[in-house]
Each structure stands twice: as structure tokens, then as C-alpha cells.
């Protein structure tokens, strides 16, 4: 029987998995964005598009570096979720 507590656990685990998977990319792009904005402020460059390319490059690099971790985290989440739903089929 699917209880409200199980629904809450499923939702919590989904949110935590999303945070774990997205955190490395978000942190790296925020750091690069702040660094580029500081450089733009010091040099008085007001172009909005200058920070876009470094953020994309860093996001792609971090994504490729953390791909094994991301895949492992998602596989563990889905295995746990399917095992939880497998208990209800009996």
C-alpha cells in the first residue's frame, strides 16, 4: 500500500537527486559568472554577451568531468525507486 509517507520520501529523494546532479554545473557557472562580471566591472565593459561563452564552456567541461558521477547517482535513484514500486506488485 502506497502511504503518504512513501510519497513524501519519493519526492524528497527526487529533489535531492536533482540537486546532487545539478550542483557541480551550477556552482562552476556561478563562479565563472561572478569572475567575468568582476572583470567587466574593472575594465568598464558593459557587454552582456561576454559572460555567456565562458559559462557555456565551463558547463560543458564540468558536465563531461562529472558525467560518471551523474550517471551513477541517477542509476541508484532509479534502482531504489523501481525496487520501492516492486514491493507494491506483490
Protein backbone atom coordinates (compact mmCIF):
# COMPACT_ATOMS: atom_id res chain seq x y z
CA UNK A 1 0.00 0.00 0.00
CA UNK A 2 1.31 3.40 -1.01
CA UNK A 3 1.25 5.69 2.03
CA UNK A 4 1.62 9.47 2.18
CA UNK A 5 5.00 8.98 3.88
CA UNK A 6 6.20 6.95 0.89
CA UNK A 7 5.06 9.72 -1.44
CA UNK A 8 6.98 12.26 0.65
CA UNK A 9 10.08 10.05 0.62
CA UNK A 10 9.84 9.64 -3.14
CA UNK A 11 9.51 13.40 -3.64
CA UNK A 12 12.38 14.13 -1.25
CA UNK A 13 14.65 11.62 -2.98
CA UNK A 14 13.80 13.08 -6.40
CA UNK A 15 14.62 16.61 -5.25
CA UNK A 16 17.87 15.51 -3.61
CA UNK A 17 18.89 13.62 -6.75
CA UNK A 18 18.23 16.71 -8.87
CA UNK A 19 20.30 18.85 -6.50
CA UNK A 20 23.19 16.36 -6.49
CA UNK A 21 23.21 16.14 -10.27
CA UNK A 22 22.90 19.87 -10.98
CA UNK A 23 25.08 21.27 -8.17
CA UNK A 24 28.51 20.88 -9.81
CA UNK A 25 27.40 22.62 -13.01
CA UNK A 26 25.56 25.38 -11.16
CA UNK A 27 28.45 26.10 -8.78
CA UNK A 28 31.01 26.23 -11.60
CA UNK A 29 28.93 28.52 -13.80
CA UNK A 30 28.15 30.84 -10.87
CA UNK A 31 31.86 31.14 -10.05
CA UNK A 32 32.75 31.86 -13.68
CA UNK A 33 29.88 34.33 -14.00
CA UNK A 34 30.98 36.26 -10.93
CA UNK A 35 34.62 36.28 -12.11
CA UNK A 36 33.65 37.56 -15.56
CA UNK A 37 31.37 40.20 -14.03
CA UNK A 38 34.20 41.41 -11.80
CA UNK A 39 36.50 41.64 -14.82
CA UNK A 40 33.79 43.50 -16.75
CA UNK A 41 33.32 45.92 -13.88
CA UNK A 42 37.04 46.61 -13.52
CA UNK A 43 37.50 47.14 -17.26
CA UNK A 44 34.19 49.01 -17.68
CA UNK A 45 32.94 46.64 -20.37
CA UNK A 46 29.16 46.63 -20.44
CA UNK A 47 28.52 43.86 -22.99
CA UNK A 48 26.08 41.22 -21.70
CA UNK A 49 27.17 38.52 -24.15
CA UNK A 50 30.79 38.34 -22.95
CA UNK A 51 29.89 36.22 -19.89
CA UNK A 52 27.77 33.80 -21.94
CA UNK A 53 30.56 31.95 -23.77
CA UNK A 54 32.77 31.22 -20.71
CA UNK A 55 29.73 29.93 -18.79
CA UNK A 56 28.78 27.57 -21.61
CA UNK A 57 32.35 26.32 -21.97
CA UNK A 58 32.68 25.71 -18.22
CA UNK A 59 29.27 24.00 -18.10
CA UNK A 60 30.27 21.61 -20.89
CA UNK A 61 33.66 20.86 -19.27
CA UNK A 62 32.12 20.26 -15.84
CA UNK A 63 29.35 18.15 -17.37
CA UNK A 64 31.88 15.88 -19.07
CA UNK A 65 34.01 15.66 -15.91
CA UNK A 66 31.06 14.77 -13.67
CA UNK A 67 29.24 12.52 -16.14
CA UNK A 68 30.20 9.25 -14.36
CA UNK A 69 29.02 10.67 -11.02
CA UNK A 70 25.79 11.91 -12.61
CA UNK A 71 25.05 8.56 -14.24
CA UNK A 72 25.82 6.66 -11.04
CA UNK A 73 23.58 8.94 -8.98
CA UNK A 74 20.68 8.62 -11.42
CA UNK A 75 21.03 4.83 -11.72
CA UNK A 76 21.00 4.45 -7.92
CA UNK A 77 17.93 6.67 -7.66
CA UNK A 78 16.00 4.75 -10.31
CA UNK A 79 17.03 1.38 -8.88
CA UNK A 80 15.76 2.41 -5.45
CA UNK A 81 12.56 3.82 -6.94
CA UNK A 82 11.82 0.70 -9.01
CA UNK A 83 12.55 -1.55 -6.01
CA UNK A 84 10.12 0.52 -3.94
CA UNK A 85 7.42 0.16 -6.63
CA UNK A 86 8.27 -3.54 -6.97
CA UNK A 87 7.11 -4.08 -3.39
CA UNK A 88 3.60 -2.96 -4.37
CA UNK A 89 3.23 -5.53 -7.15
CA UNK A 90 3.01 -8.40 -4.69
